[in-house]
Amino acid sequence: MKYLALLSLLATFALSSCNKYSEGPNFSLLTRKARITNDWVLESYTKDGTDLYDATYEMNLSIEKDGTYSKSVITPNLGQLQSTTSHGTWEFTESQASISLLEDGMLLGESYEIIMLKNNELKLRQTDFNNSDYDWKFYSN
């Protein structure tokens, strides 16, 4: 009985202290790779907490288990919608606390801190050279 209580206490401590992402979850049965590989749709976009999301702006990000990704972006440009797509590879960096996207044909990739990673929610942050924080929140169906 004493060992069961000790094991329970250790399990509680281990599960509560292993969260890599500031907005959770504290525990998941799915691996990080299983949670991040999904078809993501942009829900919101902010700069330093100020909402910049425009309903005419659309971004879809597909992250695959084989280490590849594709991204499509639709933006308004001079009264018309312009579509761009990119493909490349992705990998976890900084002990799986960040993700790096390297577009095909490019030498430098983009790195994003993972703020939240759930099965159907993803929040990424990128800090620019002026220390401005850009946050992208995605959902999946």
C-alpha atoms as a PDB file:
ATOM      1  CA  MET A   1       0.000   0.000   0.000  1.00  0.00           C
ATOM      2  CA  LYS A   2       2.852   2.349   0.838  1.00  0.00           C
ATOM      3  CA  TYR A   3       4.398   1.717  -2.610  1.00  0.00           C
ATOM      4  CA  LEU A   4       1.103   2.444  -4.355  1.00  0.00           C
ATOM      5  CA  ALA A   5       0.833   5.826  -2.629  1.00  0.00           C
ATOM      6  CA  LEU A   6       4.449   6.652  -3.494  1.00  0.00           C
ATOM      7  CA  LEU A   7       3.956   5.583  -7.115  1.00  0.00           C
ATOM      8  CA  SER A   8       0.790   7.691  -7.334  1.00  0.00           C
ATOM      9  CA  LEU A   9       2.602  10.730  -5.935  1.00  0.00           C
ATOM     10  CA  LEU A  10       5.505  10.298  -8.372  1.00  0.00           C
ATOM     11  CA  ALA A  11       3.146   9.893 -11.338  1.00  0.00           C
ATOM     12  CA  THR A  12       1.258  13.046 -10.371  1.00  0.00           C
ATOM     13  CA  PHE A  13       4.495  15.030 -10.085  1.00  0.00           C
ATOM     14  CA  ALA A  14       5.847  13.693 -13.379  1.00  0.00           C
ATOM     15  CA  LEU A  15       2.669  14.423 -15.323  1.00  0.00           C
ATOM     16  CA  SER A  16       2.251  17.928 -13.936  1.00  0.00           C
ATOM     17  CA  SER A  17       5.825  18.960 -14.658  1.00  0.00           C
ATOM     18  CA  CYS A  18       6.307  17.657 -18.219  1.00  0.00           C
ATOM     19  CA  ASN A  19       4.389  20.335 -20.141  1.00  0.00           C
ATOM     20  CA  LYS A  20       6.584  21.956 -22.792  1.00  0.00           C
ATOM     21  CA  TYR A  21       3.973  24.426 -24.020  1.00  0.00           C
ATOM     22  CA  SER A  22       2.782  27.439 -22.045  1.00  0.00           C
ATOM     23  CA  GLU A  23      -0.891  26.904 -22.926  1.00  0.00           C
ATOM     24  CA  GLY A  24      -1.049  23.135 -22.411  1.00  0.00           C
ATOM     25  CA  PRO A  25      -2.188  20.455 -22.420  1.00  0.00           C
ATOM     26  CA  ASN A  26      -0.405  19.026 -19.394  1.00  0.00           C
ATOM     27  CA  PHE A  27      -0.910  15.455 -20.559  1.00  0.00           C
ATOM     28  CA  SER A  28      -1.886  13.730 -23.796  1.00  0.00           C
ATOM     29  CA  LEU A  29      -2.056  10.109 -24.863  1.00  0.00           C
ATOM     30  CA  LEU A  30      -0.960  11.181 -28.360  1.00  0.00           C
ATOM     31  CA  THR A  31       2.670  11.956 -29.140  1.00  0.00           C
ATOM     32  CA  ARG A  32       3.651  15.475 -30.174  1.00  0.00           C
ATOM     33  CA  LYS A  33       4.233  14.250 -33.727  1.00  0.00           C
ATOM     34  CA  ALA A  34       0.773  12.646 -33.831  1.00  0.00           C
ATOM     35  CA  ARG A  35      -0.816  15.893 -32.617  1.00  0.00           C
ATOM     36  CA  ILE A  36       1.034  18.243 -34.971  1.00  0.00           C
ATOM     37  CA  THR A  37       0.546  16.168 -38.125  1.00  0.00           C
ATOM     38  CA  ASN A  38      -2.797  17.459 -39.297  1.00  0.00           C
ATOM     39  CA  ASP A  39      -4.545  19.766 -41.756  1.00  0.00           C
ATOM     40  CA  TRP A  40      -4.647  23.141 -39.995  1.00  0.00           C
ATOM     41  CA  VAL A  41      -6.832  26.158 -40.821  1.00  0.00           C
ATOM     42  CA  LEU A  42      -5.948  29.650 -39.563  1.00  0.00           C
ATOM     43  CA  GLU A  43      -8.398  30.914 -36.941  1.00  0.00           C
ATOM     44  CA  SER A  44      -6.695  34.096 -35.727  1.00  0.00           C
ATOM     45  CA  TYR A  45      -3.542  36.141 -36.208  1.00  0.00           C
ATOM     46  CA  THR A  46      -2.161  38.757 -33.807  1.00  0.00           C
ATOM     47  CA  LYS A  47       0.860  41.022 -33.459  1.00  0.00           C
ATOM     48  CA  ASP A  48       1.795  41.846 -29.861  1.00  0.00           C
ATOM     49  CA  GLY A  49      -1.754  40.923 -28.812  1.00  0.00           C
ATOM     50  CA  THR A  50      -3.451  43.156 -31.413  1.00  0.00           C
ATOM     51  CA  ASP A  51      -5.823  41.245 -33.694  1.00  0.00           C
ATOM     52  CA  LEU A  52      -4.744  41.459 -37.340  1.00  0.00           C
ATOM     53  CA  TYR A  53      -6.991  38.703 -38.653  1.00  0.00           C
ATOM     54  CA  ASP A  54      -8.995  39.597 -41.761  1.00  0.00           C
ATOM     55  CA  ALA A  55     -11.736  37.233 -42.950  1.00  0.00           C
ATOM     56  CA  THR A  56     -10.480  37.593 -46.538  1.00  0.00           C
ATOM     57  CA  TYR A  57      -7.090  36.213 -45.455  1.00  0.00           C
ATOM     58  CA  GLU A  58      -6.989  32.438 -45.507  1.00  0.00           C
ATOM     59  CA  MET A  59      -4.164  30.071 -44.580  1.00  0.00           C
ATOM     60  CA  ASN A  60      -4.120  26.278 -44.643  1.00  0.00           C
ATOM     61  CA  LEU A  61      -1.143  24.357 -43.299  1.00  0.00           C
ATOM     62  CA  SER A  62      -0.821  20.605 -43.827  1.00  0.00           C
ATOM     63  CA  ILE A  63       1.864  18.939 -41.725  1.00  0.00           C
ATOM     64  CA  GLU A  64       2.614  15.336 -42.684  1.00  0.00           C
ATOM     65  CA  LYS A  65       4.119  12.488 -40.649  1.00  0.00           C
ATOM     66  CA  ASP A  66       6.852  11.960 -43.252  1.00  0.00           C
ATOM     67  CA  GLY A  67       8.427  15.341 -42.384  1.00  0.00           C
ATOM     68  CA  THR A  68       6.924  17.365 -45.225  1.00  0.00           C
ATOM     69  CA  TYR A  69       4.463  20.251 -45.165  1.00  0.00           C
ATOM     70  CA  SER A  70       2.452  22.326 -47.591  1.00  0.00           C
ATOM     71  CA  LYS A  71       1.002  25.769 -47.019  1.00  0.00           C
ATOM     72  CA  SER A  72      -1.533  27.716 -49.046  1.00  0.00           C
ATOM     73  CA  VAL A  73      -2.303  31.368 -48.423  1.00  0.00           C
ATOM     74  CA  ILE A  74      -5.047  33.490 -49.980  1.00  0.00           C
ATOM     75  CA  THR A  75      -4.684  37.255 -49.509  1.00  0.00           C
ATOM     76  CA  PRO A  76      -6.497  40.289 -50.893  1.00  0.00           C
ATOM     77  CA  ASN A  77      -4.301  42.239 -53.311  1.00  0.00           C
ATOM     78  CA  LEU A  78      -5.564  45.352 -55.130  1.00  0.00           C
ATOM     79  CA  GLY A  79      -9.177  44.229 -54.834  1.00  0.00           C
ATOM     80  CA  GLN A  80      -8.517  40.673 -55.962  1.00  0.00           C
ATOM     81  CA  LEU A  81      -7.615  37.503 -54.134  1.00  0.00           C
ATOM     82  CA  GLN A  82      -4.094  36.195 -54.656  1.00  0.00           C
ATOM     83  CA  SER A  83      -3.168  32.598 -53.863  1.00  0.00           C
ATOM     84  CA  THR A  84       0.319  31.323 -53.045  1.00  0.00           C
ATOM     85  CA  THR A  85       1.465  27.843 -52.098  1.00  0.00           C
ATOM     86  CA  SER A  86       4.673  26.492 -50.665  1.00  0.00           C
ATOM     87  CA  HIS A  87       6.050  23.060 -49.843  1.00  0.00           C
ATOM     88  CA  GLY A  88       8.980  21.873 -47.815  1.00  0.00           C
ATOM     89  CA  THR A  89      10.129  19.951 -44.790  1.00  0.00           C
ATOM     90  CA  TRP A  90       9.477  20.408 -41.091  1.00  0.00           C
ATOM     91  CA  GLU A  91      11.139  19.277 -37.896  1.00  0.00           C
ATOM     92  CA  PHE A  92      10.856  19.814 -34.186  1.00  0.00           C
ATOM     93  CA  THR A  93      13.661  21.924 -32.706  1.00  0.00           C
ATOM     94  CA  GLU A  94      14.691  22.932 -29.190  1.00  0.00           C
ATOM     95  CA  SER A  95      13.586  19.640 -27.585  1.00  0.00           C
ATOM     96  CA  GLN A  96      10.260  19.732 -29.439  1.00  0.00           C
ATOM     97  CA  ALA A  97       9.365  23.176 -28.040  1.00  0.00           C
ATOM     98  CA  SER A  98       9.594  24.737 -31.523  1.00  0.00           C
ATOM     99  CA  ILE A  99       8.988  23.767 -35.119  1.00  0.00           C
ATOM    100  CA  SER A 100      11.112  24.723 -38.100  1.00  0.00           C
ATOM    101  CA  LEU A 101       9.671  24.940 -41.630  1.00  0.00           C
ATOM    102  CA  LEU A 102      12.159  24.852 -44.509  1.00  0.00           C
ATOM    103  CA  GLU A 103      10.604  25.691 -47.861  1.00  0.00           C
ATOM    104  CA  ASP A 104      11.873  23.747 -50.874  1.00  0.00           C
ATOM    105  CA  GLY A 105      14.746  25.601 -52.566  1.00  0.00           C
ATOM    106  CA  MET A 106      15.435  27.878 -49.590  1.00  0.00           C
ATOM    107  CA  LEU A 107      18.575  27.874 -47.430  1.00  0.00           C
ATOM    108  CA  LEU A 108      17.018  29.292 -44.260  1.00  0.00           C
ATOM    109  CA  GLY A 109      13.816  28.130 -42.645  1.00  0.00           C
ATOM    110  CA  GLU A 110      11.274  29.794 -40.419  1.00  0.00           C
ATOM    111  CA  SER A 111      11.173  28.830 -36.762  1.00  0.00           C
ATOM    112  CA  TYR A 112       8.065  29.046 -34.588  1.00  0.00           C
ATOM    113  CA  GLU A 113       7.713  28.512 -30.863  1.00  0.00           C
ATOM    114  CA  ILE A 114       4.857  26.117 -30.115  1.00  0.00           C
ATOM    115  CA  ILE A 115       2.610  27.813 -27.553  1.00  0.00           C
ATOM    116  CA  MET A 116      -0.206  25.259 -27.613  1.00  0.00           C
ATOM    117  CA  LEU A 117      -0.446  21.845 -29.234  1.00  0.00           C
ATOM    118  CA  LYS A 118      -3.658  19.898 -28.859  1.00  0.00           C
ATOM    119  CA  ASN A 119      -5.209  17.306 -31.141  1.00  0.00           C
ATOM    120  CA  ASN A 120      -7.362  19.963 -32.862  1.00  0.00           C
ATOM    121  CA  GLU A 121      -5.720  23.265 -31.807  1.00  0.00           C
ATOM    122  CA  LEU A 122      -2.288  24.707 -32.570  1.00  0.00           C
ATOM    123  CA  LYS A 123      -0.849  28.053 -31.558  1.00  0.00           C
ATOM    124  CA  LEU A 124       2.521  29.216 -32.910  1.00  0.00           C
ATOM    125  CA  ARG A 125       4.593  32.311 -32.048  1.00  0.00           C
ATOM    126  CA  GLN A 126       7.346  33.982 -33.993  1.00  0.00           C
ATOM    127  CA  THR A 127       9.385  36.885 -32.635  1.00  0.00           C
ATOM    128  CA  ASP A 128      10.914  39.277 -35.168  1.00  0.00           C
ATOM    129  CA  PHE A 129      14.089  41.375 -34.923  1.00  0.00           C
ATOM    130  CA  ASN A 130      12.094  44.223 -33.248  1.00  0.00           C
ATOM    131  CA  ASN A 131      10.940  41.787 -30.508  1.00  0.00           C
ATOM    132  CA  SER A 132       7.361  41.860 -31.816  1.00  0.00           C
ATOM    133  CA  ASP A 133       5.437  38.647 -31.200  1.00  0.00           C
ATOM    134  CA  TYR A 134       3.291  37.263 -34.005  1.00  0.00           C
ATOM    135  CA  ASP A 135       0.802  34.583 -32.925  1.00  0.00           C
ATOM    136  CA  TRP A 136      -1.053  32.251 -35.287  1.00  0.00           C
ATOM    137  CA  LYS A 137      -3.876  30.122 -33.924  1.00  0.00           C
ATOM    138  CA  PHE A 138      -5.010  27.175 -36.037  1.00  0.00           C
ATOM    139  CA  TYR A 139      -7.780  24.601 -35.711  1.00  0.00           C
ATOM    140  CA  SER A 140      -8.446  21.318 -37.453  1.00  0.00           C
ATOM    141  CA  ASN A 141     -11.697  19.514 -38.162  1.00  0.00           C
END
